[in-house]
């Protein structure tokens, strides 16, 4: 059985949740410019859709 490919929106939602949990767990904080954070999250989402993993963009 083949796994269904994530939509762009689903992958982005997963990347946002992942990054929020990552920041909450450690001594980290998001970059102060929200648009920069979103670009990174979009990159994580696209990498998950393309490669199956949220590789760092």
PDB file of N, CA and C in Angstrom:
ATOM      1  N   UNK A   1       0.837  -1.182   0.000  1.00  0.00           N
ATOM      2  CA  UNK A   1       0.000   0.000   0.000  1.00  0.00           C
ATOM      3  C   UNK A   1       0.880   1.244   0.000  1.00  0.00           C
ATOM      4  N   UNK A   2       0.618   2.156  -0.923  1.00  0.00           N
ATOM      5  CA  UNK A   2       1.415   3.361  -1.040  1.00  0.00           C
ATOM      6  C   UNK A   2       0.874   4.456  -0.133  1.00  0.00           C
ATOM      7  N   UNK A   3       1.775   5.180   0.489  1.00  0.00           N
ATOM      8  CA  UNK A   3       1.411   6.263   1.387  1.00  0.00           C
ATOM      9  C   UNK A   3       0.921   7.470   0.582  1.00  0.00           C
ATOM     10  N   UNK A   4      -0.149   8.117   1.049  1.00  0.00           N
ATOM     11  CA  UNK A   4      -0.687   9.303   0.393  1.00  0.00           C
ATOM     12  C   UNK A   4       0.262  10.477   0.584  1.00  0.00           C
ATOM     13  N   UNK A   5       0.496  11.226  -0.484  1.00  0.00           N
ATOM     14  CA  UNK A   5       1.362  12.393  -0.404  1.00  0.00           C
ATOM     15  C   UNK A   5       0.634  13.529   0.304  1.00  0.00           C
ATOM     16  N   UNK A   6       1.327  14.219   1.176  1.00  0.00           N
ATOM     17  CA  UNK A   6       0.752  15.350   1.901  1.00  0.00           C
ATOM     18  C   UNK A   6       0.484  16.506   0.947  1.00  0.00           C
ATOM     19  N   UNK A   7      -0.582  17.237   1.213  1.00  0.00           N
ATOM     20  CA  UNK A   7      -0.798  18.476   0.466  1.00  0.00           C
ATOM     21  C   UNK A   7       0.175  19.517   1.015  1.00  0.00           C
ATOM     22  N   UNK A   8       0.324  20.590   0.280  1.00  0.00           N
ATOM     23  CA  UNK A   8       1.201  21.669   0.727  1.00  0.00           C
ATOM     24  C   UNK A   8       0.722  22.228   2.070  1.00  0.00           C
ATOM     25  N   UNK A   9      -0.588  22.374   2.213  1.00  0.00           N
ATOM     26  CA  UNK A   9      -1.149  22.911   3.454  1.00  0.00           C
ATOM     27  C   UNK A   9      -0.922  21.968   4.629  1.00  0.00           C
ATOM     28  N   UNK A  10      -1.129  20.667   4.407  1.00  0.00           N
ATOM     29  CA  UNK A  10      -0.906  19.682   5.472  1.00  0.00           C
ATOM     30  C   UNK A  10       0.557  19.665   5.908  1.00  0.00           C
ATOM     31  N   UNK A  11       1.445  19.684   4.938  1.00  0.00           N
ATOM     32  CA  UNK A  11       2.877  19.664   5.253  1.00  0.00           C
ATOM     33  C   UNK A  11       3.277  20.927   6.013  1.00  0.00           C
ATOM     34  N   UNK A  12       2.725  22.086   5.616  1.00  0.00           N
ATOM     35  CA  UNK A  12       3.049  23.329   6.314  1.00  0.00           C
ATOM     36  C   UNK A  12       2.535  23.297   7.747  1.00  0.00           C
ATOM     37  N   UNK A  13       1.311  22.820   7.939  1.00  0.00           N
ATOM     38  CA  UNK A  13       0.759  22.706   9.299  1.00  0.00           C
ATOM     39  C   UNK A  13       1.638  21.801  10.165  1.00  0.00           C
ATOM     40  N   UNK A  14       2.086  20.689   9.593  1.00  0.00           N
ATOM     41  CA  UNK A  14       2.966  19.775  10.332  1.00  0.00           C
ATOM     42  C   UNK A  14       4.298  20.445  10.677  1.00  0.00           C
ATOM     43  N   UNK A  15       4.846  21.218   9.754  1.00  0.00           N
ATOM     44  CA  UNK A  15       6.109  21.911  10.001  1.00  0.00           C
ATOM     45  C   UNK A  15       5.959  22.972  11.087  1.00  0.00           C
ATOM     46  N   UNK A  16       4.835  23.675  11.090  1.00  0.00           N
ATOM     47  CA  UNK A  16       4.580  24.695  12.115  1.00  0.00           C
ATOM     48  C   UNK A  16       4.478  24.032  13.487  1.00  0.00           C
ATOM     49  N   UNK A  17       3.695  22.966  13.575  1.00  0.00           N
ATOM     50  CA  UNK A  17       3.551  22.260  14.857  1.00  0.00           C
ATOM     51  C   UNK A  17       4.885  21.704  15.331  1.00  0.00           C
ATOM     52  N   UNK A  18       5.639  21.118  14.402  1.00  0.00           N
ATOM     53  CA  UNK A  18       6.957  20.573  14.733  1.00  0.00           C
ATOM     54  C   UNK A  18       7.868  21.667  15.289  1.00  0.00           C
ATOM     55  N   UNK A  19       7.950  22.797  14.588  1.00  0.00           N
ATOM     56  CA  UNK A  19       8.856  23.860  15.025  1.00  0.00           C
ATOM     57  C   UNK A  19       8.401  24.478  16.345  1.00  0.00           C
ATOM     58  N   UNK A  20       7.099  24.601  16.542  1.00  0.00           N
ATOM     59  CA  UNK A  20       6.606  25.134  17.814  1.00  0.00           C
ATOM     60  C   UNK A  20       6.944  24.206  18.972  1.00  0.00           C
ATOM     61  N   UNK A  21       6.790  22.900  18.778  1.00  0.00           N
ATOM     62  CA  UNK A  21       7.156  21.936  19.830  1.00  0.00           C
ATOM     63  C   UNK A  21       8.667  21.968  20.091  1.00  0.00           C
ATOM     64  N   UNK A  22       9.441  22.067  19.032  1.00  0.00           N
ATOM     65  CA  UNK A  22      10.908  22.102  19.161  1.00  0.00           C
ATOM     66  C   UNK A  22      11.340  23.308  19.997  1.00  0.00           C
ATOM     67  N   UNK A  23      10.776  24.456  19.711  1.00  0.00           N
ATOM     68  CA  UNK A  23      11.113  25.674  20.458  1.00  0.00           C
ATOM     69  C   UNK A  23      10.652  25.554  21.909  1.00  0.00           C
ATOM     70  N   UNK A  24       9.483  24.994  22.133  1.00  0.00           N
ATOM     71  CA  UNK A  24       8.943  24.872  23.489  1.00  0.00           C
ATOM     72  C   UNK A  24       9.765  23.922  24.358  1.00  0.00           C
ATOM     73  N   UNK A  25      10.362  22.903  23.757  1.00  0.00           N
ATOM     74  CA  UNK A  25      11.107  21.891  24.519  1.00  0.00           C
ATOM     75  C   UNK A  25      12.494  22.341  24.957  1.00  0.00           C
ATOM     76  N   UNK A  26      13.078  23.261  24.241  1.00  0.00           N
ATOM     77  CA  UNK A  26      14.464  23.583  24.534  1.00  0.00           C
ATOM     78  C   UNK A  26      14.675  25.047  24.851  1.00  0.00           C
ATOM     79  N   UNK A  27      15.915  25.393  24.997  1.00  0.00           N
ATOM     80  CA  UNK A  27      16.220  26.800  25.292  1.00  0.00           C
ATOM     81  C   UNK A  27      16.281  27.618  24.001  1.00  0.00           C
ATOM     82  N   UNK A  28      15.268  27.488  23.168  1.00  0.00           N
ATOM     83  CA  UNK A  28      15.260  28.126  21.858  1.00  0.00           C
ATOM     84  C   UNK A  28      14.141  29.147  21.777  1.00  0.00           C
ATOM     85  N   UNK A  29      14.243  30.036  20.822  1.00  0.00           N
ATOM     86  CA  UNK A  29      13.152  30.948  20.506  1.00  0.00           C
ATOM     87  C   UNK A  29      13.192  31.212  19.010  1.00  0.00           C
ATOM     88  N   UNK A  30      12.035  31.590  18.480  1.00  0.00           N
ATOM     89  CA  UNK A  30      11.950  31.878  17.059  1.00  0.00           C
ATOM     90  C   UNK A  30      12.688  33.172  16.729  1.00  0.00           C
ATOM     91  N   UNK A  31      13.174  33.257  15.511  1.00  0.00           N
ATOM     92  CA  UNK A  31      13.751  34.488  14.989  1.00  0.00           C
ATOM     93  C   UNK A  31      12.686  35.571  15.093  1.00  0.00           C
ATOM     94  N   UNK A  32      13.051  36.798  15.456  1.00  0.00           N
ATOM     95  CA  UNK A  32      12.033  37.834  15.696  1.00  0.00           C
ATOM     96  C   UNK A  32      11.205  38.237  14.474  1.00  0.00           C
ATOM     97  N   UNK A  33      11.699  38.016  13.269  1.00  0.00           N
ATOM     98  CA  UNK A  33      10.934  38.377  12.076  1.00  0.00           C
ATOM     99  C   UNK A  33      10.095  37.185  11.636  1.00  0.00           C
ATOM    100  N   UNK A  34       8.783  37.304  11.799  1.00  0.00           N
ATOM    101  CA  UNK A  34       7.859  36.197  11.529  1.00  0.00           C
ATOM    102  C   UNK A  34       7.951  35.688  10.094  1.00  0.00           C
ATOM    103  N   UNK A  35       8.175  36.580   9.131  1.00  0.00           N
ATOM    104  CA  UNK A  35       8.241  36.139   7.736  1.00  0.00           C
ATOM    105  C   UNK A  35       9.451  35.244   7.483  1.00  0.00           C
ATOM    106  N   UNK A  36      10.535  35.458   8.202  1.00  0.00           N
ATOM    107  CA  UNK A  36      11.719  34.592   8.072  1.00  0.00           C
ATOM    108  C   UNK A  36      11.401  33.205   8.631  1.00  0.00           C
ATOM    109  N   UNK A  37      10.727  33.164   9.761  1.00  0.00           N
ATOM    110  CA  UNK A  37      10.331  31.892  10.368  1.00  0.00           C
ATOM    111  C   UNK A  37       9.425  31.121   9.409  1.00  0.00           C
ATOM    112  N   UNK A  38       8.495  31.819   8.788  1.00  0.00           N
ATOM    113  CA  UNK A  38       7.566  31.164   7.860  1.00  0.00           C
ATOM    114  C   UNK A  38       8.289  30.593   6.642  1.00  0.00           C
ATOM    115  N   UNK A  39       9.293  31.281   6.151  1.00  0.00           N
ATOM    116  CA  UNK A  39      10.064  30.774   5.011  1.00  0.00           C
ATOM    117  C   UNK A  39      10.763  29.468   5.393  1.00  0.00           C
ATOM    118  N   UNK A  40      11.316  29.414   6.586  1.00  0.00           N
ATOM    119  CA  UNK A  40      11.966  28.183   7.047  1.00  0.00           C
ATOM    120  C   UNK A  40      10.936  27.064   7.199  1.00  0.00           C
ATOM    121  N   UNK A  41       9.789  27.381   7.778  1.00  0.00           N
ATOM    122  CA  UNK A  41       8.738  26.372   7.937  1.00  0.00           C
ATOM    123  C   UNK A  41       8.241  25.884   6.575  1.00  0.00           C
ATOM    124  N   UNK A  42       8.132  26.776   5.607  1.00  0.00           N
ATOM    125  CA  UNK A  42       7.740  26.370   4.250  1.00  0.00           C
ATOM    126  C   UNK A  42       8.792  25.437   3.659  1.00  0.00           C
ATOM    127  N   UNK A  43      10.069  25.723   3.913  1.00  0.00           N
ATOM    128  CA  UNK A  43      11.139  24.856   3.432  1.00  0.00           C
ATOM    129  C   UNK A  43      11.080  23.483   4.071  1.00  0.00           C
ATOM    130  N   UNK A  44      10.808  23.436   5.363  1.00  0.00           N
ATOM    131  CA  UNK A  44      10.658  22.147   6.042  1.00  0.00           C
ATOM    132  C   UNK A  44       9.497  21.358   5.445  1.00  0.00           C
ATOM    133  N   UNK A  45       8.397  22.052   5.176  1.00  0.00           N
ATOM    134  CA  UNK A  45       7.222  21.403   4.605  1.00  0.00           C
ATOM    135  C   UNK A  45       7.519  20.859   3.212  1.00  0.00           C
ATOM    136  N   UNK A  46       8.164  21.657   2.397  1.00  0.00           N
ATOM    137  CA  UNK A  46       8.480  21.215   1.030  1.00  0.00           C
ATOM    138  C   UNK A  46       9.440  20.029   1.045  1.00  0.00           C
ATOM    139  N   UNK A  47      10.405  20.054   1.936  1.00  0.00           N
ATOM    140  CA  UNK A  47      11.332  18.919   2.037  1.00  0.00           C
ATOM    141  C   UNK A  47      10.626  17.650   2.495  1.00  0.00           C
ATOM    142  N   UNK A  48       9.654  17.796   3.387  1.00  0.00           N
ATOM    143  CA  UNK A  48       8.901  16.614   3.802  1.00  0.00           C
ATOM    144  C   UNK A  48       8.084  16.064   2.632  1.00  0.00           C
ATOM    145  N   UNK A  49       7.485  16.952   1.855  1.00  0.00           N
ATOM    146  CA  UNK A  49       6.703  16.498   0.698  1.00  0.00           C
ATOM    147  C   UNK A  49       7.607  15.852  -0.363  1.00  0.00           C
ATOM    148  N   UNK A  50       8.778  16.416  -0.579  1.00  0.00           N
ATOM    149  CA  UNK A  50       9.673  15.933  -1.630  1.00  0.00           C
ATOM    150  C   UNK A  50      10.453  14.700  -1.219  1.00  0.00           C
ATOM    151  N   UNK A  51      11.022  14.727  -0.010  1.00  0.00           N
ATOM    152  CA  UNK A  51      11.939  13.671   0.429  1.00  0.00           C
ATOM    153  C   UNK A  51      11.383  12.762   1.510  1.00  0.00           C
ATOM    154  N   UNK A  52      10.250  13.152   2.099  1.00  0.00           N
ATOM    155  CA  UNK A  52       9.676  12.339   3.167  1.00  0.00           C
ATOM    156  C   UNK A  52      10.197  12.682   4.543  1.00  0.00           C
ATOM    157  N   UNK A  53      11.077  13.676   4.634  1.00  0.00           N
ATOM    158  CA  UNK A  53      11.654  14.107   5.915  1.00  0.00           C
ATOM    159  C   UNK A  53      11.723  15.621   5.934  1.00  0.00           C
ATOM    160  N   UNK A  54      11.647  16.186   7.134  1.00  0.00           N
ATOM    161  CA  UNK A  54      11.765  17.633   7.289  1.00  0.00           C
ATOM    162  C   UNK A  54      13.234  18.034   7.377  1.00  0.00           C
ATOM    163  N   UNK A  55      13.966  17.811   6.308  1.00  0.00           N
ATOM    164  CA  UNK A  55      15.362  18.230   6.281  1.00  0.00           C
ATOM    165  C   UNK A  55      15.434  19.736   6.429  1.00  0.00           C
ATOM    166  N   UNK A  56      16.487  20.216   7.077  1.00  0.00           N
ATOM    167  CA  UNK A  56      16.677  21.648   7.238  1.00  0.00           C
ATOM    168  C   UNK A  56      16.825  22.292   5.858  1.00  0.00           C
ATOM    169  N   UNK A  57      16.051  23.340   5.597  1.00  0.00           N
ATOM    170  CA  UNK A  57      16.116  23.985   4.274  1.00  0.00           C
ATOM    171  C   UNK A  57      17.390  24.783   4.088  1.00  0.00           C
TER     172      UNK A  57
END
